[in-house]
C-alpha cells in the first residue's frame, strides 16, 4: 500500500492550483483581461470537444449524463466569455460625436 493515498495527493494539487490561479488572476493588469478571456474561451472550446468524446465513448448512463452536463457547462462558459469580451472591447472603442442639429433660417428669430 502507498504511504500516501492518490486521493490526498490529487486534493493537494487541486488546492495548490486554486491558490496559484487566484494569485495569477488578481495580479493581471486590466489591459490583459481581454486577451486572457479569449484564451480562456479557446480552452473551454477544447473542453467541449473532450466532453463530447468522453460522453460518446462511455457505456453507462451516468457517464453520458455527466458528459452532457460537461458539454452544457463548458458551452455556457464559452458563450458567456465571448459576451463579456465583446462588452469589454466596446468600452475601448471611440465614441462618435453627434453633429449639432442644423437650425432653420426662421429659427433664429432675426427679422429679415
N, C-alpha and C. Protein backbone atom coordinates (compact mmCIF):
# COMPACT_ATOMS: atom_id res chain seq x y z
N UNK A 1 0.84 -1.20 0.00
CA UNK A 1 0.00 0.00 0.00
C UNK A 1 0.88 1.25 0.00
N UNK A 2 0.43 2.25 -0.69
CA UNK A 2 1.17 3.51 -0.76
C UNK A 2 1.13 4.22 0.58
N UNK A 3 2.24 4.89 0.93
CA UNK A 3 2.24 5.64 2.20
C UNK A 3 1.24 6.79 2.20
N UNK A 4 1.00 7.40 1.02
CA UNK A 4 0.04 8.49 0.91
C UNK A 4 -0.95 8.12 -0.20
N UNK A 5 -2.20 8.30 0.07
CA UNK A 5 -3.25 7.95 -0.89
C UNK A 5 -3.19 8.86 -2.11
N UNK A 6 -3.54 8.32 -3.28
CA UNK A 6 -3.58 9.12 -4.50
C UNK A 6 -4.65 10.21 -4.39
N UNK A 7 -5.70 9.94 -3.67
CA UNK A 7 -6.75 10.94 -3.49
C UNK A 7 -6.23 12.15 -2.73
N UNK A 8 -5.43 11.92 -1.71
CA UNK A 8 -4.86 13.02 -0.94
C UNK A 8 -3.90 13.84 -1.80
N UNK A 9 -3.10 13.16 -2.59
CA UNK A 9 -2.16 13.87 -3.49
C UNK A 9 -2.94 14.71 -4.50
N UNK A 10 -3.99 14.14 -5.08
CA UNK A 10 -4.80 14.90 -6.04
C UNK A 10 -5.49 16.07 -5.37
N UNK A 11 -5.94 15.92 -4.14
CA UNK A 11 -6.58 17.01 -3.41
C UNK A 11 -5.58 18.13 -3.13
N UNK A 12 -4.35 17.77 -2.77
CA UNK A 12 -3.32 18.78 -2.51
C UNK A 12 -3.01 19.55 -3.80
N UNK A 13 -2.90 18.85 -4.92
CA UNK A 13 -2.63 19.51 -6.20
C UNK A 13 -3.79 20.45 -6.56
N UNK A 14 -5.02 20.01 -6.32
CA UNK A 14 -6.19 20.84 -6.61
C UNK A 14 -6.18 22.12 -5.78
N UNK A 15 -5.89 22.01 -4.49
CA UNK A 15 -5.86 23.18 -3.61
C UNK A 15 -4.74 24.13 -4.02
N UNK A 16 -3.58 23.60 -4.36
CA UNK A 16 -2.48 24.45 -4.81
C UNK A 16 -2.81 25.15 -6.13
N UNK A 17 -3.50 24.45 -7.02
CA UNK A 17 -3.90 25.07 -8.30
C UNK A 17 -4.87 26.22 -8.05
N UNK A 18 -5.79 26.05 -7.11
CA UNK A 18 -6.71 27.14 -6.77
C UNK A 18 -5.94 28.33 -6.22
N UNK A 19 -4.99 28.09 -5.33
CA UNK A 19 -4.20 29.15 -4.72
C UNK A 19 -3.40 29.92 -5.78
N UNK A 20 -2.69 29.18 -6.63
CA UNK A 20 -1.87 29.82 -7.67
C UNK A 20 -2.77 30.55 -8.67
N UNK A 21 -3.86 29.93 -9.07
CA UNK A 21 -4.77 30.56 -10.01
C UNK A 21 -5.35 31.86 -9.47
N UNK A 22 -5.70 31.87 -8.20
CA UNK A 22 -6.24 33.08 -7.57
C UNK A 22 -5.22 34.21 -7.64
N UNK A 23 -3.99 33.93 -7.28
CA UNK A 23 -2.97 34.98 -7.27
C UNK A 23 -2.58 35.41 -8.68
N UNK A 24 -2.61 34.51 -9.63
CA UNK A 24 -2.29 34.89 -11.01
C UNK A 24 -3.37 35.80 -11.58
N UNK A 25 -4.63 35.46 -11.34
CA UNK A 25 -5.73 36.25 -11.91
C UNK A 25 -5.79 37.64 -11.28
N UNK A 26 -5.60 37.75 -9.99
CA UNK A 26 -5.74 39.05 -9.34
C UNK A 26 -4.54 39.97 -9.53
N UNK A 27 -3.43 39.46 -10.08
CA UNK A 27 -2.29 40.34 -10.33
C UNK A 27 -2.18 40.74 -11.80
N UNK A 28 -3.13 40.33 -12.62
CA UNK A 28 -3.11 40.69 -14.04
C UNK A 28 -3.57 42.14 -14.20
N UNK A 29 -2.85 42.89 -15.03
CA UNK A 29 -3.26 44.27 -15.28
C UNK A 29 -4.54 44.27 -16.10
N UNK A 30 -5.37 45.29 -15.94
CA UNK A 30 -6.64 45.33 -16.66
C UNK A 30 -6.50 45.28 -18.18
N UNK A 31 -5.38 45.74 -18.72
CA UNK A 31 -5.20 45.73 -20.17
C UNK A 31 -5.09 44.31 -20.73
N UNK A 32 -4.73 43.35 -19.88
CA UNK A 32 -4.56 41.98 -20.35
C UNK A 32 -5.80 41.11 -20.15
N UNK A 33 -6.83 41.63 -19.56
CA UNK A 33 -8.01 40.82 -19.29
C UNK A 33 -8.68 40.32 -20.58
N UNK A 34 -8.78 41.17 -21.59
CA UNK A 34 -9.44 40.77 -22.83
C UNK A 34 -8.69 39.64 -23.54
N UNK A 35 -7.36 39.73 -23.71
CA UNK A 35 -6.67 38.59 -24.33
C UNK A 35 -6.77 37.31 -23.49
N UNK A 36 -6.74 37.44 -22.19
CA UNK A 36 -6.86 36.26 -21.35
C UNK A 36 -8.24 35.64 -21.46
N UNK A 37 -9.27 36.46 -21.60
CA UNK A 37 -10.62 35.93 -21.78
C UNK A 37 -10.70 35.16 -23.10
N UNK A 38 -10.05 35.66 -24.13
CA UNK A 38 -10.08 34.97 -25.42
C UNK A 38 -9.39 33.61 -25.32
N UNK A 39 -8.28 33.55 -24.60
CA UNK A 39 -7.59 32.27 -24.41
C UNK A 39 -8.44 31.32 -23.58
N UNK A 40 -9.10 31.84 -22.56
CA UNK A 40 -9.97 31.01 -21.73
C UNK A 40 -11.12 30.44 -22.55
N UNK A 41 -11.66 31.23 -23.46
CA UNK A 41 -12.73 30.74 -24.33
C UNK A 41 -12.22 29.62 -25.24
N UNK A 42 -11.00 29.75 -25.73
CA UNK A 42 -10.43 28.71 -26.58
C UNK A 42 -10.23 27.41 -25.78
N UNK A 43 -9.77 27.54 -24.55
CA UNK A 43 -9.58 26.35 -23.71
C UNK A 43 -10.93 25.70 -23.42
N UNK A 44 -11.95 26.49 -23.17
CA UNK A 44 -13.28 25.93 -22.92
C UNK A 44 -13.82 25.24 -24.16
N UNK A 45 -13.48 25.73 -25.34
CA UNK A 45 -13.91 25.07 -26.56
C UNK A 45 -13.25 23.69 -26.68
N UNK A 46 -12.00 23.58 -26.26
CA UNK A 46 -11.32 22.29 -26.25
C UNK A 46 -11.99 21.36 -25.25
N UNK A 47 -12.42 21.91 -24.11
CA UNK A 47 -13.12 21.11 -23.11
C UNK A 47 -14.42 20.56 -23.68
N UNK A 48 -15.10 21.34 -24.50
CA UNK A 48 -16.35 20.88 -25.12
C UNK A 48 -16.07 19.67 -26.01
N UNK A 49 -15.02 19.75 -26.81
CA UNK A 49 -14.69 18.63 -27.69
C UNK A 49 -14.35 17.38 -26.86
N UNK A 50 -13.55 17.56 -25.81
CA UNK A 50 -13.21 16.43 -24.95
C UNK A 50 -14.42 15.85 -24.25
N UNK A 51 -15.32 16.69 -23.80
CA UNK A 51 -16.53 16.20 -23.12
C UNK A 51 -17.44 15.45 -24.09
N UNK A 52 -17.52 15.93 -25.34
CA UNK A 52 -18.32 15.22 -26.33
C UNK A 52 -17.73 13.84 -26.61
N UNK A 53 -16.40 13.77 -26.72
CA UNK A 53 -15.76 12.48 -26.95
C UNK A 53 -15.97 11.54 -25.75
N UNK A 54 -15.82 12.08 -24.54
CA UNK A 54 -16.00 11.25 -23.34
C UNK A 54 -17.44 10.77 -23.23
N UNK A 55 -18.39 11.62 -23.54
CA UNK A 55 -19.79 11.23 -23.45
C UNK A 55 -20.14 10.19 -24.51
N UNK A 56 -19.53 10.30 -25.69
CA UNK A 56 -19.83 9.36 -26.76
C UNK A 56 -19.19 8.00 -26.52
N UNK A 57 -18.05 7.96 -25.86
CA UNK A 57 -17.31 6.71 -25.68
C UNK A 57 -17.71 5.94 -24.43
N UNK A 58 -18.43 6.56 -23.53
CA UNK A 58 -18.81 5.87 -22.30
C UNK A 58 -20.00 4.95 -22.54
N UNK A 59 -20.12 3.94 -21.70
CA UNK A 59 -21.19 2.96 -21.87
C UNK A 59 -22.29 3.09 -20.84
N UNK A 60 -22.04 3.81 -19.76
CA UNK A 60 -23.04 3.89 -18.69
C UNK A 60 -23.89 5.14 -18.86
N UNK A 61 -25.07 5.08 -18.29
CA UNK A 61 -25.98 6.23 -18.34
C UNK A 61 -25.42 7.39 -17.53
N UNK A 62 -24.83 7.09 -16.38
CA UNK A 62 -24.24 8.15 -15.55
C UNK A 62 -23.12 8.85 -16.30
N UNK A 63 -22.30 8.09 -17.01
CA UNK A 63 -21.20 8.69 -17.77
C UNK A 63 -21.70 9.60 -18.87
N UNK A 64 -22.74 9.16 -19.56
CA UNK A 64 -23.29 10.00 -20.63
C UNK A 64 -23.95 11.26 -20.06
N UNK A 65 -24.62 11.10 -18.94
CA UNK A 65 -25.25 12.26 -18.30
C UNK A 65 -24.20 13.26 -17.86
N UNK A 66 -23.14 12.78 -17.27
CA UNK A 66 -22.06 13.69 -16.84
C UNK A 66 -21.39 14.34 -18.05
N UNK A 67 -21.25 13.60 -19.15
CA UNK A 67 -20.66 14.17 -20.36
C UNK A 67 -21.53 15.26 -20.95
N UNK A 68 -22.83 15.03 -20.99
CA UNK A 68 -23.75 16.05 -21.50
C UNK A 68 -23.73 17.27 -20.59
N UNK A 69 -23.67 17.06 -19.27
CA UNK A 69 -23.59 18.17 -18.33
C UNK A 69 -22.29 18.96 -18.53
N UNK A 70 -21.19 18.25 -18.76
CA UNK A 70 -19.91 18.93 -19.00
C UNK A 70 -19.97 19.76 -20.28
N UNK A 71 -20.59 19.23 -21.33
CA UNK A 71 -20.72 19.98 -22.58
C UNK A 71 -21.57 21.23 -22.35
N UNK A 72 -22.66 21.08 -21.63
CA UNK A 72 -23.55 22.23 -21.39
C UNK A 72 -22.85 23.32 -20.58
N UNK A 73 -22.16 22.93 -19.52
CA UNK A 73 -21.48 23.93 -18.69
C UNK A 73 -20.33 24.61 -19.43
N UNK A 74 -19.58 23.85 -20.21
CA UNK A 74 -18.50 24.45 -20.99
C UNK A 74 -19.05 25.39 -22.06
N UNK A 75 -20.20 25.03 -22.66
CA UNK A 75 -20.81 25.90 -23.67
C UNK A 75 -21.27 27.22 -23.05
N UNK A 76 -21.85 27.15 -21.86
CA UNK A 76 -22.24 28.38 -21.15
C UNK A 76 -21.02 29.24 -20.88
N UNK A 77 -19.92 28.60 -20.51
CA UNK A 77 -18.69 29.34 -20.23
C UNK A 77 -18.15 30.00 -21.50
N UNK A 78 -18.18 29.29 -22.61
CA UNK A 78 -17.67 29.85 -23.87
C UNK A 78 -18.52 31.04 -24.31
N UNK A 79 -19.84 30.86 -24.39
CA UNK A 79 -20.69 31.93 -24.88
C UNK A 79 -20.72 33.12 -23.92
N UNK A 80 -20.73 32.85 -22.63
CA UNK A 80 -20.66 33.95 -21.66
C UNK A 80 -19.34 34.69 -21.75
N UNK A 81 -18.26 33.96 -21.97
CA UNK A 81 -16.95 34.60 -22.11
C UNK A 81 -16.88 35.49 -23.32
N UNK A 82 -17.46 35.03 -24.43
CA UNK A 82 -17.46 35.88 -25.63
C UNK A 82 -18.31 37.13 -25.42
N UNK A 83 -19.40 37.01 -24.70
CA UNK A 83 -20.23 38.20 -24.43
C UNK A 83 -19.47 39.20 -23.56
N UNK A 84 -18.79 38.70 -22.54
CA UNK A 84 -18.02 39.59 -21.66
C UNK A 84 -16.88 40.24 -22.44
N UNK A 85 -16.20 39.46 -23.28
CA UNK A 85 -15.10 40.01 -24.08
C UNK A 85 -15.60 41.10 -25.01
N UNK A 86 -16.75 40.87 -25.65
CA UNK A 86 -17.30 41.88 -26.55
C UNK A 86 -17.65 43.16 -25.80
N UNK A 87 -18.23 43.01 -24.62
CA UNK A 87 -18.57 44.21 -23.85
C UNK A 87 -17.31 44.96 -23.42
N UNK A 88 -16.26 44.21 -23.07
CA UNK A 88 -15.02 44.87 -22.67
C UNK A 88 -14.39 45.61 -23.84
N UNK A 89 -14.43 45.01 -25.03
CA UNK A 89 -13.87 45.68 -26.20
C UNK A 89 -14.66 46.92 -26.58
N UNK A 90 -15.96 46.91 -26.36
CA UNK A 90 -16.78 48.09 -26.66
C UNK A 90 -16.43 49.26 -25.75
N UNK A 91 -15.92 48.98 -24.57
CA UNK A 91 -15.52 50.06 -23.66
C UNK A 91 -14.33 50.83 -24.22
N UNK A 92 -13.49 50.18 -25.04
CA UNK A 92 -12.30 50.83 -25.56
C UNK A 92 -12.52 51.50 -26.91
N UNK A 93 -13.70 51.35 -27.50
CA UNK A 93 -13.98 51.98 -28.79
C UNK A 93 -14.20 53.48 -28.60
N UNK A 94 -13.79 54.23 -29.61
CA UNK A 94 -14.04 55.67 -29.56
C UNK A 94 -15.49 55.92 -29.89
N UNK A 95 -16.09 56.79 -29.13
CA UNK A 95 -17.50 57.12 -29.36
C UNK A 95 -17.58 58.21 -30.41
N UNK A 96 -18.53 58.08 -31.32
CA UNK A 96 -18.73 59.09 -32.35
C UNK A 96 -19.46 60.28 -31.76
N UNK A 97 -19.01 61.46 -32.14
CA UNK A 97 -19.68 62.67 -31.67
C UNK A 97 -20.91 62.92 -32.51
N UNK A 98 -21.95 63.33 -31.84
CA UNK A 98 -23.17 63.69 -32.57
C UNK A 98 -23.01 65.09 -33.12
N UNK A 99 -23.40 65.26 -34.38
CA UNK A 99 -23.32 66.57 -35.01
C UNK A 99 -24.39 67.47 -34.41
N UNK A 100 -24.05 68.75 -34.27
CA UNK A 100 -25.02 69.71 -33.74
C UNK A 100 -26.16 69.83 -34.74
N UNK A 101 -27.39 69.85 -34.25
CA UNK A 101 -28.52 69.94 -35.17
C UNK A 101 -28.50 71.29 -35.90
N UNK A 102 -28.73 71.23 -37.20
CA UNK A 102 -28.74 72.45 -38.02
C UNK A 102 -30.04 73.19 -37.77
N UNK A 103 -29.92 74.52 -37.56
CA UNK A 103 -31.11 75.33 -37.30
C UNK A 103 -31.64 75.90 -38.61
N UNK A 104 -32.92 75.98 -38.72
CA UNK A 104 -33.54 76.57 -39.91
C UNK A 104 -33.38 78.09 -39.86
N UNK A 105 -33.56 78.77 -41.02
CA UNK A 105 -33.37 80.21 -41.09
C UNK A 105 -34.33 80.95 -40.16
N UNK A 106 -35.56 80.51 -40.07
CA UNK A 106 -36.54 81.21 -39.27
C UNK A 106 -36.42 80.88 -37.79
N UNK A 107 -35.57 79.95 -37.45
CA UNK A 107 -35.48 79.52 -36.06
C UNK A 107 -34.69 80.49 -35.20
N UNK A 108 -33.87 81.36 -35.83
CA UNK A 108 -33.04 82.25 -35.04
C UNK A 108 -33.82 83.42 -34.48
N UNK A 109 -34.90 83.73 -35.07
CA UNK A 109 -35.71 84.84 -34.57
C UNK A 109 -35.31 86.18 -35.12
N UNK A 110 -34.37 86.22 -36.08
CA UNK A 110 -33.96 87.51 -36.65
C UNK A 110 -34.99 87.98 -37.67
N UNK A 111 -35.15 89.28 -37.75
CA UNK A 111 -36.07 89.85 -38.75
C UNK A 111 -35.28 90.07 -40.02
N UNK A 112 -35.83 89.70 -41.12
CA UNK A 112 -35.11 89.84 -42.39
C UNK A 112 -35.36 91.16 -43.03
